[in-house]
PDB file of N, CA and C in Angstrom:
ATOM      1  N   MET A   1      -9.356  -7.340   6.922  1.00  0.00           N
ATOM      2  CA  MET A   1      -9.198  -8.003   5.645  1.00  0.00           C
ATOM      3  C   MET A   1      -9.912  -7.176   4.577  1.00  0.00           C
ATOM      4  N   LEU A   2      -9.277  -7.032   3.470  1.00  0.00           N
ATOM      5  CA  LEU A   2      -9.883  -6.308   2.359  1.00  0.00           C
ATOM      6  C   LEU A   2     -10.642  -7.273   1.463  1.00  0.00           C
ATOM      7  N   HIS A   3     -11.717  -6.777   0.898  1.00  0.00           N
ATOM      8  CA  HIS A   3     -12.509  -7.562  -0.035  1.00  0.00           C
ATOM      9  C   HIS A   3     -12.642  -6.778  -1.330  1.00  0.00           C
ATOM     10  N   GLU A   4     -12.942  -7.459  -2.406  1.00  0.00           N
ATOM     11  CA  GLU A   4     -13.090  -6.828  -3.705  1.00  0.00           C
ATOM     12  C   GLU A   4     -14.043  -5.644  -3.617  1.00  0.00           C
ATOM     13  N   GLY A   5     -13.614  -4.525  -4.170  1.00  0.00           N
ATOM     14  CA  GLY A   5     -14.434  -3.327  -4.214  1.00  0.00           C
ATOM     15  C   GLY A   5     -14.265  -2.377  -3.045  1.00  0.00           C
ATOM     16  N   VAL A   6     -13.500  -2.776  -2.038  1.00  0.00           N
ATOM     17  CA  VAL A   6     -13.287  -1.922  -0.877  1.00  0.00           C
ATOM     18  C   VAL A   6     -12.372  -0.756  -1.267  1.00  0.00           C
ATOM     19  N   VAL A   7     -12.719   0.436  -0.844  1.00  0.00           N
ATOM     20  CA  VAL A   7     -11.908   1.625  -1.086  1.00  0.00           C
ATOM     21  C   VAL A   7     -11.437   2.150   0.267  1.00  0.00           C
ATOM     22  N   LEU A   8     -10.144   2.377   0.381  1.00  0.00           N
ATOM     23  CA  LEU A   8      -9.573   2.921   1.607  1.00  0.00           C
ATOM     24  C   LEU A   8      -9.079   4.330   1.347  1.00  0.00           C
ATOM     25  N   LYS A   9      -9.235   5.188   2.331  1.00  0.00           N
ATOM     26  CA  LYS A   9      -8.672   6.528   2.252  1.00  0.00           C
ATOM     27  C   LYS A   9      -7.647   6.642   3.372  1.00  0.00           C
ATOM     28  N   ILE A  10      -6.392   6.835   3.001  1.00  0.00           N
ATOM     29  CA  ILE A  10      -5.320   6.981   3.971  1.00  0.00           C
ATOM     30  C   ILE A  10      -5.066   8.475   4.162  1.00  0.00           C
ATOM     31  N   LEU A  11      -5.130   8.907   5.395  1.00  0.00           N
ATOM     32  CA  LEU A  11      -4.918  10.323   5.680  1.00  0.00           C
ATOM     33  C   LEU A  11      -3.456  10.712   5.463  1.00  0.00           C
ATOM     34  N   PRO A  12      -3.187  11.979   5.217  1.00  0.00           N
ATOM     35  CA  PRO A  12      -1.809  12.435   4.996  1.00  0.00           C
ATOM     36  C   PRO A  12      -0.915  12.094   6.193  1.00  0.00           C
ATOM     37  N   ASP A  13       0.332  11.789   5.898  1.00  0.00           N
ATOM     38  CA  ASP A  13       1.373  11.523   6.898  1.00  0.00           C
ATOM     39  C   ASP A  13       1.143  10.265   7.719  1.00  0.00           C
ATOM     40  N   VAL A  14       0.331   9.336   7.219  1.00  0.00           N
ATOM     41  CA  VAL A  14       0.142   8.050   7.889  1.00  0.00           C
ATOM     42  C   VAL A  14       0.956   7.004   7.122  1.00  0.00           C
ATOM     43  N   LYS A  15       2.000   6.468   7.776  1.00  0.00           N
ATOM     44  CA  LYS A  15       2.831   5.450   7.145  1.00  0.00           C
ATOM     45  C   LYS A  15       2.031   4.151   7.103  1.00  0.00           C
ATOM     46  N   HIS A  16       1.943   3.554   5.931  1.00  0.00           N
ATOM     47  CA  HIS A  16       1.198   2.321   5.785  1.00  0.00           C
ATOM     48  C   HIS A  16       1.829   1.454   4.708  1.00  0.00           C
ATOM     49  N   TRP A  17       1.467   0.199   4.716  1.00  0.00           N
ATOM     50  CA  TRP A  17       2.010  -0.764   3.764  1.00  0.00           C
ATOM     51  C   TRP A  17       0.844  -1.444   3.078  1.00  0.00           C
ATOM     52  N   HIS A  18       1.021  -1.784   1.852  1.00  0.00           N
ATOM     53  CA  HIS A  18      -0.008  -2.522   1.122  1.00  0.00           C
ATOM     54  C   HIS A  18       0.669  -3.437   0.124  1.00  0.00           C
ATOM     55  N   GLY A  19       0.051  -4.544  -0.119  1.00  0.00           N
ATOM     56  CA  GLY A  19       0.602  -5.462  -1.101  1.00  0.00           C
ATOM     57  C   GLY A  19       0.136  -6.875  -0.882  1.00  0.00           C
ATOM     58  N   ALA A  20       0.687  -7.742  -1.673  1.00  0.00           N
ATOM     59  CA  ALA A  20       0.302  -9.143  -1.660  1.00  0.00           C
ATOM     60  C   ALA A  20       1.058  -9.904  -0.584  1.00  0.00           C
ATOM     61  N   THR A  21       0.582 -11.100  -0.312  1.00  0.00           N
ATOM     62  CA  THR A  21       1.328 -12.049   0.508  1.00  0.00           C
ATOM     63  C   THR A  21       1.704 -13.208  -0.399  1.00  0.00           C
ATOM     64  N   ALA A  22       2.475 -14.112   0.118  1.00  0.00           N
ATOM     65  CA  ALA A  22       2.954 -15.235  -0.697  1.00  0.00           C
ATOM     66  C   ALA A  22       1.810 -16.087  -1.249  1.00  0.00           C
ATOM     67  N   ASP A  23       0.658 -16.103  -0.569  1.00  0.00           N
ATOM     68  CA  ASP A  23      -0.453 -16.931  -1.041  1.00  0.00           C
ATOM     69  C   ASP A  23      -1.670 -16.114  -1.487  1.00  0.00           C
ATOM     70  N   SER A  24      -1.475 -14.838  -1.775  1.00  0.00           N
ATOM     71  CA  SER A  24      -2.556 -14.010  -2.300  1.00  0.00           C
ATOM     72  C   SER A  24      -1.959 -12.905  -3.166  1.00  0.00           C
ATOM     73  N   TRP A  25      -2.788 -12.265  -3.946  1.00  0.00           N
ATOM     74  CA  TRP A  25      -2.303 -11.174  -4.777  1.00  0.00           C
ATOM     75  C   TRP A  25      -3.078  -9.915  -4.434  1.00  0.00           C
ATOM     76  N   PHE A  26      -2.558  -8.794  -4.893  1.00  0.00           N
ATOM     77  CA  PHE A  26      -3.126  -7.497  -4.549  1.00  0.00           C
ATOM     78  C   PHE A  26      -2.825  -6.539  -5.686  1.00  0.00           C
ATOM     79  N   THR A  27      -3.807  -5.770  -6.089  1.00  0.00           N
ATOM     80  CA  THR A  27      -3.601  -4.719  -7.081  1.00  0.00           C
ATOM     81  C   THR A  27      -3.767  -3.380  -6.384  1.00  0.00           C
ATOM     82  N   HIS A  28      -2.803  -2.508  -6.569  1.00  0.00           N
ATOM     83  CA  HIS A  28      -2.842  -1.195  -5.932  1.00  0.00           C
ATOM     84  C   HIS A  28      -3.032  -0.143  -7.002  1.00  0.00           C
ATOM     85  N   LEU A  29      -4.032   0.682  -6.822  1.00  0.00           N
ATOM     86  CA  LEU A  29      -4.286   1.796  -7.725  1.00  0.00           C
ATOM     87  C   LEU A  29      -4.237   3.062  -6.888  1.00  0.00           C
ATOM     88  N   ALA A  30      -3.285   3.919  -7.175  1.00  0.00           N
ATOM     89  CA  ALA A  30      -3.130   5.145  -6.397  1.00  0.00           C
ATOM     90  C   ALA A  30      -3.609   6.339  -7.215  1.00  0.00           C
ATOM     91  N   VAL A  31      -4.375   7.190  -6.579  1.00  0.00           N
ATOM     92  CA  VAL A  31      -4.839   8.419  -7.204  1.00  0.00           C
ATOM     93  C   VAL A  31      -4.261   9.572  -6.395  1.00  0.00           C
ATOM     94  N   SER A  32      -3.463  10.383  -7.038  1.00  0.00           N
ATOM     95  CA  SER A  32      -2.847  11.523  -6.351  1.00  0.00           C
ATOM     96  C   SER A  32      -3.654  12.777  -6.613  1.00  0.00           C
ATOM     97  N   THR A  33      -4.042  13.410  -5.526  1.00  0.00           N
ATOM     98  CA  THR A  33      -4.753  14.687  -5.641  1.00  0.00           C
ATOM     99  C   THR A  33      -3.922  15.746  -4.935  1.00  0.00           C
ATOM    100  N   ASN A  34      -4.181  16.975  -5.220  1.00  0.00           N
ATOM    101  CA  ASN A  34      -3.460  18.090  -4.599  1.00  0.00           C
ATOM    102  C   ASN A  34      -1.947  17.970  -4.770  1.00  0.00           C
ATOM    103  N   VAL A  35      -1.500  17.587  -5.948  1.00  0.00           N
ATOM    104  CA  VAL A  35      -0.061  17.398  -6.172  1.00  0.00           C
ATOM    105  C   VAL A  35       0.714  18.698  -6.005  1.00  0.00           C
ATOM    106  N   GLN A  36       0.041  19.828  -6.047  1.00  0.00           N
ATOM    107  CA  GLN A  36       0.720  21.093  -5.802  1.00  0.00           C
ATOM    108  C   GLN A  36       1.223  21.175  -4.362  1.00  0.00           C
ATOM    109  N   LYS A  37       0.683  20.333  -3.466  1.00  0.00           N
ATOM    110  CA  LYS A  37       1.129  20.301  -2.066  1.00  0.00           C
ATOM    111  C   LYS A  37       2.249  19.291  -1.848  1.00  0.00           C
ATOM    112  N   GLY A  38       2.633  18.580  -2.905  1.00  0.00           N
ATOM    113  CA  GLY A  38       3.708  17.598  -2.785  1.00  0.00           C
ATOM    114  C   GLY A  38       3.308  16.276  -3.422  1.00  0.00           C
ATOM    115  N   THR A  39       4.290  15.448  -3.638  1.00  0.00           N
ATOM    116  CA  THR A  39       4.051  14.160  -4.276  1.00  0.00           C
ATOM    117  C   THR A  39       4.145  13.039  -3.251  1.00  0.00           C
ATOM    118  N   THR A  40       3.807  11.856  -3.687  1.00  0.00           N
ATOM    119  CA  THR A  40       3.848  10.683  -2.823  1.00  0.00           C
ATOM    120  C   THR A  40       5.273  10.344  -2.452  1.00  0.00           C
ATOM    121  N   GLU A  41       5.485  10.007  -1.197  1.00  0.00           N
ATOM    122  CA  GLU A  41       6.790   9.529  -0.741  1.00  0.00           C
ATOM    123  C   GLU A  41       6.696   8.018  -0.598  1.00  0.00           C
ATOM    124  N   TRP A  42       7.361   7.298  -1.511  1.00  0.00           N
ATOM    125  CA  TRP A  42       7.358   5.837  -1.454  1.00  0.00           C
ATOM    126  C   TRP A  42       8.455   5.408  -0.485  1.00  0.00           C
ATOM    127  N   LEU A  43       8.099   4.603   0.474  1.00  0.00           N
ATOM    128  CA  LEU A  43       9.029   4.204   1.522  1.00  0.00           C
ATOM    129  C   LEU A  43       9.772   2.932   1.133  1.00  0.00           C
ATOM    130  N   GLU A  44      10.495   2.364   2.089  1.00  0.00           N
ATOM    131  CA  GLU A  44      11.345   1.212   1.821  1.00  0.00           C
ATOM    132  C   GLU A  44      10.524  -0.005   1.373  1.00  0.00           C
ATOM    133  N   ALA A  45      11.132  -0.791   0.512  1.00  0.00           N
ATOM    134  CA  ALA A  45      10.511  -2.047   0.085  1.00  0.00           C
ATOM    135  C   ALA A  45      10.722  -3.095   1.170  1.00  0.00           C
ATOM    136  N   VAL A  46       9.810  -4.067   1.232  1.00  0.00           N
ATOM    137  CA  VAL A  46      10.009  -5.158   2.174  1.00  0.00           C
ATOM    138  C   VAL A  46      11.059  -6.113   1.624  1.00  0.00           C
ATOM    139  N   THR A  47      11.734  -6.792   2.530  1.00  0.00           N
ATOM    140  CA  THR A  47      12.715  -7.797   2.114  1.00  0.00           C
ATOM    141  C   THR A  47      11.982  -9.081   1.746  1.00  0.00           C
ATOM    142  N   ASP A  48      12.672  -9.991   1.060  1.00  0.00           N
ATOM    143  CA  ASP A  48      12.080 -11.298   0.754  1.00  0.00           C
ATOM    144  C   ASP A  48      11.683 -12.012   2.042  1.00  0.00           C
ATOM    145  N   GLU A  49      12.511 -11.916   3.070  1.00  0.00           N
ATOM    146  CA  GLU A  49      12.209 -12.573   4.344  1.00  0.00           C
ATOM    147  C   GLU A  49      10.921 -12.013   4.955  1.00  0.00           C
ATOM    148  N   GLU A  50      10.761 -10.692   4.948  1.00  0.00           N
ATOM    149  CA  GLU A  50       9.543 -10.084   5.480  1.00  0.00           C
ATOM    150  C   GLU A  50       8.329 -10.531   4.666  1.00  0.00           C
ATOM    151  N   TYR A  51       8.473 -10.524   3.351  1.00  0.00           N
ATOM    152  CA  TYR A  51       7.372 -10.898   2.456  1.00  0.00           C
ATOM    153  C   TYR A  51       6.910 -12.320   2.708  1.00  0.00           C
ATOM    154  N   TYR A  52       7.832 -13.247   2.782  1.00  0.00           N
ATOM    155  CA  TYR A  52       7.462 -14.650   2.937  1.00  0.00           C
ATOM    156  C   TYR A  52       6.988 -15.003   4.337  1.00  0.00           C
ATOM    157  N   ASN A  53       7.132 -14.092   5.287  1.00  0.00           N
ATOM    158  CA  ASN A  53       6.646 -14.335   6.648  1.00  0.00           C
ATOM    159  C   ASN A  53       5.318 -13.616   6.928  1.00  0.00           C
ATOM    160  N   LEU A  54       4.730 -12.977   5.911  1.00  0.00           N
ATOM    161  CA  LEU A  54       3.439 -12.336   6.103  1.00  0.00           C
ATOM    162  C   LEU A  54       2.344 -13.381   6.180  1.00  0.00           C
ATOM    163  N   ASN A  55       1.311 -13.091   6.932  1.00  0.00           N
ATOM    164  CA  ASN A  55       0.164 -14.003   7.032  1.00  0.00           C
ATOM    165  C   ASN A  55      -0.985 -13.489   6.207  1.00  0.00           C
TER     166      ASN A  55
END
């Protein structure tokens, strides 16, 4: 569980998901470094069904 002020570092090439659930909210702030090596690859969005079934 994440708490206010927690900072996560995701290593390169690790597929991960982040966001809110139906009963909570989430703010995502992304900082891109080393953009000369490539940009962020944003993956598929979750469906409404997936979103509403998150815990």
